[in-house]
Amino acid sequence: MLTTEEVRFIRNWDIQRKGGKGSYFGLYLSVGTIVGSIGVFFLMSMIKFGLPPLPILVTIPAISFTLTLIYCIYSWNSNEKRWKKIIKRVVEEGKKVSDFTEEERFKEV
């Protein structure tokens, strides 16, 4: 039997998966890079680092992009692994995922 958390996860991850890796990575890489860069610039201004030279202004978004990419890959793989584990358990319990009614699959939990 699925817990409410697992039902919520399956519903939300199904929506994310339908868009594919491209849209998932595109969204989270762009937002993560922007937020990470703003965060670093904010911290630099808080410690009165001043306006950094041009190479640093290019390096900070590049590092932010790289870290966000690593996190996106980890997050996608982790969620996919969790989704497959839950689906496998459901199938082993004898109830096919397609046997869920629309209400069960998309109910607000």
N, C-alpha and C. Protein backbone atom coordinates (compact mmCIF):
# COMPACT_ATOMS: atom_id res chain seq x y z
N MET A 1 0.84 -1.19 0.00
CA MET A 1 0.00 0.00 0.00
C MET A 1 0.88 1.24 0.00
N LEU A 2 0.50 2.19 -0.79
CA LEU A 2 1.26 3.43 -0.89
C LEU A 2 0.89 4.39 0.22
N THR A 3 1.92 5.08 0.72
CA THR A 3 1.66 6.12 1.70
C THR A 3 1.24 7.38 0.95
N THR A 4 0.69 8.33 1.67
CA THR A 4 0.27 9.58 1.02
C THR A 4 1.47 10.31 0.45
N GLU A 5 2.61 10.22 1.11
CA GLU A 5 3.83 10.87 0.60
C GLU A 5 4.26 10.24 -0.72
N GLU A 6 4.16 8.92 -0.83
CA GLU A 6 4.54 8.24 -2.07
C GLU A 6 3.57 8.57 -3.20
N VAL A 7 2.29 8.64 -2.90
CA VAL A 7 1.29 9.02 -3.92
C VAL A 7 1.58 10.42 -4.42
N ARG A 8 1.88 11.33 -3.51
CA ARG A 8 2.19 12.71 -3.88
C ARG A 8 3.47 12.75 -4.74
N PHE A 9 4.47 11.98 -4.32
CA PHE A 9 5.72 11.95 -5.07
C PHE A 9 5.50 11.41 -6.49
N ILE A 10 4.76 10.30 -6.61
CA ILE A 10 4.50 9.72 -7.93
C ILE A 10 3.76 10.71 -8.82
N ARG A 11 2.76 11.37 -8.27
CA ARG A 11 2.00 12.34 -9.05
C ARG A 11 2.89 13.49 -9.54
N ASN A 12 3.67 14.05 -8.63
CA ASN A 12 4.52 15.18 -8.99
C ASN A 12 5.66 14.78 -9.92
N TRP A 13 6.25 13.62 -9.68
CA TRP A 13 7.36 13.20 -10.52
C TRP A 13 6.88 12.81 -11.92
N ASP A 14 5.68 12.23 -12.02
CA ASP A 14 5.13 11.94 -13.33
C ASP A 14 4.99 13.21 -14.16
N ILE A 15 4.56 14.28 -13.53
CA ILE A 15 4.42 15.55 -14.22
C ILE A 15 5.78 16.06 -14.68
N GLN A 16 6.80 15.96 -13.81
CA GLN A 16 8.15 16.40 -14.16
C GLN A 16 8.73 15.57 -15.29
N ARG A 17 8.52 14.25 -15.23
CA ARG A 17 9.10 13.34 -16.22
C ARG A 17 8.51 13.55 -17.60
N LYS A 18 7.25 13.92 -17.68
CA LYS A 18 6.60 14.10 -18.98
C LYS A 18 7.30 15.17 -19.81
N GLY A 19 7.84 16.17 -19.17
CA GLY A 19 8.56 17.22 -19.87
C GLY A 19 9.92 16.77 -20.38
N GLY A 20 10.45 15.74 -19.80
CA GLY A 20 11.75 15.22 -20.21
C GLY A 20 12.90 15.90 -19.49
N LYS A 21 14.08 15.32 -19.71
CA LYS A 21 15.27 15.85 -19.07
C LYS A 21 15.61 17.26 -19.55
N GLY A 22 15.37 17.50 -20.83
CA GLY A 22 15.73 18.81 -21.39
C GLY A 22 15.05 19.96 -20.69
N SER A 23 13.75 19.87 -20.54
CA SER A 23 13.02 20.97 -19.90
C SER A 23 13.32 21.03 -18.40
N TYR A 24 13.51 19.85 -17.78
CA TYR A 24 13.85 19.80 -16.35
C TYR A 24 15.18 20.50 -16.10
N PHE A 25 16.19 20.11 -16.89
CA PHE A 25 17.51 20.72 -16.71
C PHE A 25 17.50 22.19 -17.12
N GLY A 26 16.79 22.52 -18.18
CA GLY A 26 16.72 23.91 -18.62
C GLY A 26 16.17 24.82 -17.55
N LEU A 27 15.08 24.40 -16.94
CA LEU A 27 14.46 25.22 -15.90
C LEU A 27 15.36 25.36 -14.68
N TYR A 28 15.81 24.22 -14.14
CA TYR A 28 16.56 24.28 -12.89
C TYR A 28 17.97 24.80 -13.06
N LEU A 29 18.58 24.59 -14.24
CA LEU A 29 19.91 25.16 -14.47
C LEU A 29 19.85 26.67 -14.57
N SER A 30 18.87 27.18 -15.30
CA SER A 30 18.79 28.63 -15.45
C SER A 30 18.47 29.31 -14.12
N VAL A 31 17.49 28.79 -13.42
CA VAL A 31 17.11 29.40 -12.14
C VAL A 31 18.23 29.23 -11.11
N GLY A 32 18.81 28.04 -11.05
CA GLY A 32 19.89 27.79 -10.08
C GLY A 32 21.10 28.65 -10.33
N THR A 33 21.46 28.84 -11.58
CA THR A 33 22.61 29.67 -11.91
C THR A 33 22.36 31.12 -11.52
N ILE A 34 21.19 31.61 -11.82
CA ILE A 34 20.87 33.00 -11.48
C ILE A 34 20.84 33.19 -9.96
N VAL A 35 20.14 32.32 -9.26
CA VAL A 35 20.05 32.45 -7.81
C VAL A 35 21.42 32.29 -7.15
N GLY A 36 22.20 31.32 -7.61
CA GLY A 36 23.54 31.11 -7.06
C GLY A 36 24.44 32.31 -7.27
N SER A 37 24.39 32.87 -8.46
CA SER A 37 25.23 34.04 -8.77
C SER A 37 24.82 35.24 -7.93
N ILE A 38 23.52 35.47 -7.82
CA ILE A 38 23.05 36.59 -7.00
C ILE A 38 23.46 36.39 -5.54
N GLY A 39 23.33 35.16 -5.07
CA GLY A 39 23.73 34.86 -3.69
C GLY A 39 25.20 35.14 -3.42
N VAL A 40 26.06 34.75 -4.34
CA VAL A 40 27.50 34.98 -4.16
C VAL A 40 27.81 36.47 -4.23
N PHE A 41 27.21 37.18 -5.17
CA PHE A 41 27.44 38.62 -5.25
C PHE A 41 26.94 39.33 -4.00
N PHE A 42 25.81 38.87 -3.46
CA PHE A 42 25.28 39.45 -2.23
C PHE A 42 26.25 39.21 -1.07
N LEU A 43 26.74 37.99 -0.94
CA LEU A 43 27.70 37.70 0.13
C LEU A 43 28.98 38.51 -0.02
N MET A 44 29.42 38.68 -1.27
CA MET A 44 30.62 39.49 -1.49
C MET A 44 30.40 40.94 -1.08
N SER A 45 29.20 41.46 -1.33
CA SER A 45 28.93 42.84 -0.95
C SER A 45 28.78 42.98 0.56
N MET A 46 28.30 41.92 1.23
CA MET A 46 28.14 41.97 2.68
C MET A 46 29.49 42.00 3.39
N ILE A 47 30.49 41.37 2.80
CA ILE A 47 31.81 41.39 3.45
C ILE A 47 32.68 42.51 2.88
N LYS A 48 32.01 43.43 2.16
CA LYS A 48 32.65 44.62 1.60
C LYS A 48 33.84 44.27 0.70
N PHE A 49 33.62 43.28 -0.14
CA PHE A 49 34.65 42.85 -1.08
C PHE A 49 34.80 43.86 -2.21
N GLY A 50 33.79 44.66 -2.41
CA GLY A 50 33.83 45.64 -3.48
C GLY A 50 33.44 45.02 -4.81
N LEU A 51 33.55 45.79 -5.86
CA LEU A 51 33.22 45.30 -7.19
C LEU A 51 34.37 44.43 -7.69
N PRO A 52 34.10 43.17 -7.95
CA PRO A 52 35.18 42.28 -8.38
C PRO A 52 35.61 42.57 -9.82
N PRO A 53 36.83 42.17 -10.16
CA PRO A 53 37.29 42.37 -11.54
C PRO A 53 36.51 41.47 -12.50
N LEU A 54 36.63 41.76 -13.78
CA LEU A 54 35.87 41.07 -14.81
C LEU A 54 36.04 39.54 -14.80
N PRO A 55 37.25 38.99 -14.63
CA PRO A 55 37.36 37.52 -14.62
C PRO A 55 36.52 36.87 -13.51
N ILE A 56 36.42 37.53 -12.38
CA ILE A 56 35.60 37.00 -11.28
C ILE A 56 34.13 37.07 -11.65
N LEU A 57 33.73 38.14 -12.34
CA LEU A 57 32.34 38.29 -12.76
C LEU A 57 31.93 37.20 -13.74
N VAL A 58 32.87 36.62 -14.45
CA VAL A 58 32.58 35.52 -15.37
C VAL A 58 32.70 34.19 -14.64
N THR A 59 33.63 34.10 -13.72
CA THR A 59 33.91 32.85 -13.00
C THR A 59 32.77 32.48 -12.06
N ILE A 60 32.19 33.44 -11.38
CA ILE A 60 31.13 33.14 -10.40
C ILE A 60 29.92 32.49 -11.08
N PRO A 61 29.38 33.03 -12.17
CA PRO A 61 28.27 32.32 -12.83
C PRO A 61 28.68 30.95 -13.38
N ALA A 62 29.92 30.82 -13.83
CA ALA A 62 30.38 29.53 -14.35
C ALA A 62 30.43 28.49 -13.24
N ILE A 63 30.93 28.87 -12.09
CA ILE A 63 30.97 27.95 -10.95
C ILE A 63 29.55 27.63 -10.49
N SER A 64 28.70 28.64 -10.45
CA SER A 64 27.31 28.45 -10.05
C SER A 64 26.61 27.49 -11.02
N PHE A 65 26.85 27.65 -12.31
CA PHE A 65 26.27 26.77 -13.33
C PHE A 65 26.74 25.33 -13.13
N THR A 66 28.04 25.17 -12.88
CA THR A 66 28.60 23.83 -12.70
C THR A 66 28.01 23.14 -11.47
N LEU A 67 27.94 23.85 -10.37
CA LEU A 67 27.37 23.26 -9.15
C LEU A 67 25.89 22.93 -9.33
N THR A 68 25.16 23.80 -10.02
CA THR A 68 23.75 23.55 -10.28
C THR A 68 23.57 22.35 -11.20
N LEU A 69 24.44 22.21 -12.19
CA LEU A 69 24.39 21.05 -13.09
C LEU A 69 24.61 19.75 -12.33
N ILE A 70 25.59 19.74 -11.45
CA ILE A 70 25.85 18.54 -10.63
C ILE A 70 24.63 18.21 -9.78
N TYR A 71 24.04 19.22 -9.16
CA TYR A 71 22.86 18.98 -8.34
C TYR A 71 21.68 18.50 -9.18
N CYS A 72 21.48 19.06 -10.36
CA CYS A 72 20.37 18.63 -11.23
C CYS A 72 20.52 17.17 -11.64
N ILE A 73 21.72 16.78 -11.99
CA ILE A 73 21.96 15.38 -12.38
C ILE A 73 21.68 14.47 -11.20
N TYR A 74 22.19 14.84 -10.03
CA TYR A 74 21.96 14.04 -8.82
C TYR A 74 20.47 13.96 -8.50
N SER A 75 19.79 15.10 -8.57
CA SER A 75 18.37 15.15 -8.25
C SER A 75 17.54 14.31 -9.21
N TRP A 76 17.80 14.42 -10.51
CA TRP A 76 17.07 13.63 -11.51
C TRP A 76 17.26 12.14 -11.25
N ASN A 77 18.52 11.73 -11.09
CA ASN A 77 18.81 10.31 -10.89
C ASN A 77 18.21 9.78 -9.59
N SER A 78 18.27 10.57 -8.55
CA SER A 78 17.72 10.17 -7.26
C SER A 78 16.20 10.01 -7.34
N ASN A 79 15.53 10.98 -7.95
CA ASN A 79 14.07 10.91 -8.08
C ASN A 79 13.64 9.76 -8.98
N GLU A 80 14.40 9.53 -10.05
CA GLU A 80 14.08 8.44 -10.97
C GLU A 80 14.24 7.09 -10.27
N LYS A 81 15.30 6.97 -9.49
CA LYS A 81 15.55 5.73 -8.75
C LYS A 81 14.44 5.49 -7.73
N ARG A 82 14.02 6.54 -7.03
CA ARG A 82 12.95 6.42 -6.04
C ARG A 82 11.63 6.04 -6.72
N TRP A 83 11.34 6.67 -7.87
CA TRP A 83 10.11 6.40 -8.61
C TRP A 83 10.07 4.94 -9.05
N LYS A 84 11.17 4.45 -9.61
CA LYS A 84 11.23 3.06 -10.07
C LYS A 84 11.08 2.09 -8.91
N LYS A 85 11.66 2.41 -7.77
CA LYS A 85 11.55 1.55 -6.58
C LYS A 85 10.10 1.46 -6.11
N ILE A 86 9.40 2.58 -6.08
CA ILE A 86 8.00 2.60 -5.65
C ILE A 86 7.13 1.84 -6.65
N ILE A 87 7.34 2.08 -7.95
CA ILE A 87 6.55 1.40 -8.98
C ILE A 87 6.79 -0.10 -8.93
N LYS A 88 8.04 -0.51 -8.74
CA LYS A 88 8.36 -1.93 -8.65
C LYS A 88 7.64 -2.57 -7.47
N ARG A 89 7.63 -1.86 -6.35
CA ARG A 89 6.94 -2.39 -5.16
C ARG A 89 5.45 -2.50 -5.40
N VAL A 90 4.86 -1.53 -6.06
CA VAL A 90 3.43 -1.55 -6.35
C VAL A 90 3.11 -2.73 -7.26
N VAL A 91 3.93 -2.94 -8.28
CA VAL A 91 3.71 -4.04 -9.20
C VAL A 91 3.86 -5.38 -8.48
N GLU A 92 4.84 -5.49 -7.61
CA GLU A 92 5.04 -6.73 -6.85
C GLU A 92 3.87 -7.00 -5.91
N GLU A 93 3.24 -5.95 -5.42
CA GLU A 93 2.08 -6.13 -4.54
C GLU A 93 0.86 -6.58 -5.33
N GLY A 94 0.96 -6.56 -6.65
CA GLY A 94 -0.11 -7.09 -7.46
C GLY A 94 -1.04 -6.08 -8.07
N LYS A 95 -0.84 -4.83 -7.77
CA LYS A 95 -1.72 -3.81 -8.35
C LYS A 95 -0.93 -3.03 -9.38
N LYS A 96 -1.36 -3.07 -10.60
CA LYS A 96 -0.67 -2.35 -11.66
C LYS A 96 -0.91 -0.86 -11.49
N VAL A 97 0.07 -0.10 -11.91
CA VAL A 97 -0.06 1.35 -11.82
C VAL A 97 -1.24 1.83 -12.66
N SER A 98 -1.49 1.16 -13.77
CA SER A 98 -2.61 1.56 -14.62
C SER A 98 -3.96 1.24 -13.99
N ASP A 99 -3.96 0.40 -12.93
CA ASP A 99 -5.20 0.07 -12.26
C ASP A 99 -5.69 1.18 -11.33
N PHE A 100 -4.79 2.15 -11.03
CA PHE A 100 -5.22 3.25 -10.20
C PHE A 100 -6.26 4.05 -10.97
N THR A 101 -7.27 4.47 -10.28
CA THR A 101 -8.25 5.33 -10.93
C THR A 101 -7.64 6.72 -11.07
N GLU A 102 -8.23 7.52 -11.92
CA GLU A 102 -7.76 8.89 -12.08
C GLU A 102 -7.77 9.62 -10.74
N GLU A 103 -8.78 9.35 -9.95
CA GLU A 103 -8.90 10.01 -8.65
C GLU A 103 -7.75 9.62 -7.73
N GLU A 104 -7.38 8.34 -7.72
CA GLU A 104 -6.29 7.88 -6.86
C GLU A 104 -4.95 8.47 -7.30
N ARG A 105 -4.74 8.57 -8.64
CA ARG A 105 -3.47 9.04 -9.14
C ARG A 105 -3.26 10.53 -8.94
N PHE A 106 -4.33 11.30 -9.05
CA PHE A 106 -4.17 12.74 -9.04
C PHE A 106 -4.92 13.45 -7.91
N LYS A 107 -5.28 12.68 -6.89
CA LYS A 107 -6.00 13.32 -5.78
C LYS A 107 -5.05 14.20 -4.99
N GLU A 108 -5.58 15.21 -4.44
CA GLU A 108 -4.80 16.11 -3.58
C GLU A 108 -4.64 15.42 -2.23
N VAL A 109 -3.39 15.24 -1.87
CA VAL A 109 -3.10 14.53 -0.61
C VAL A 109 -2.68 15.53 0.43
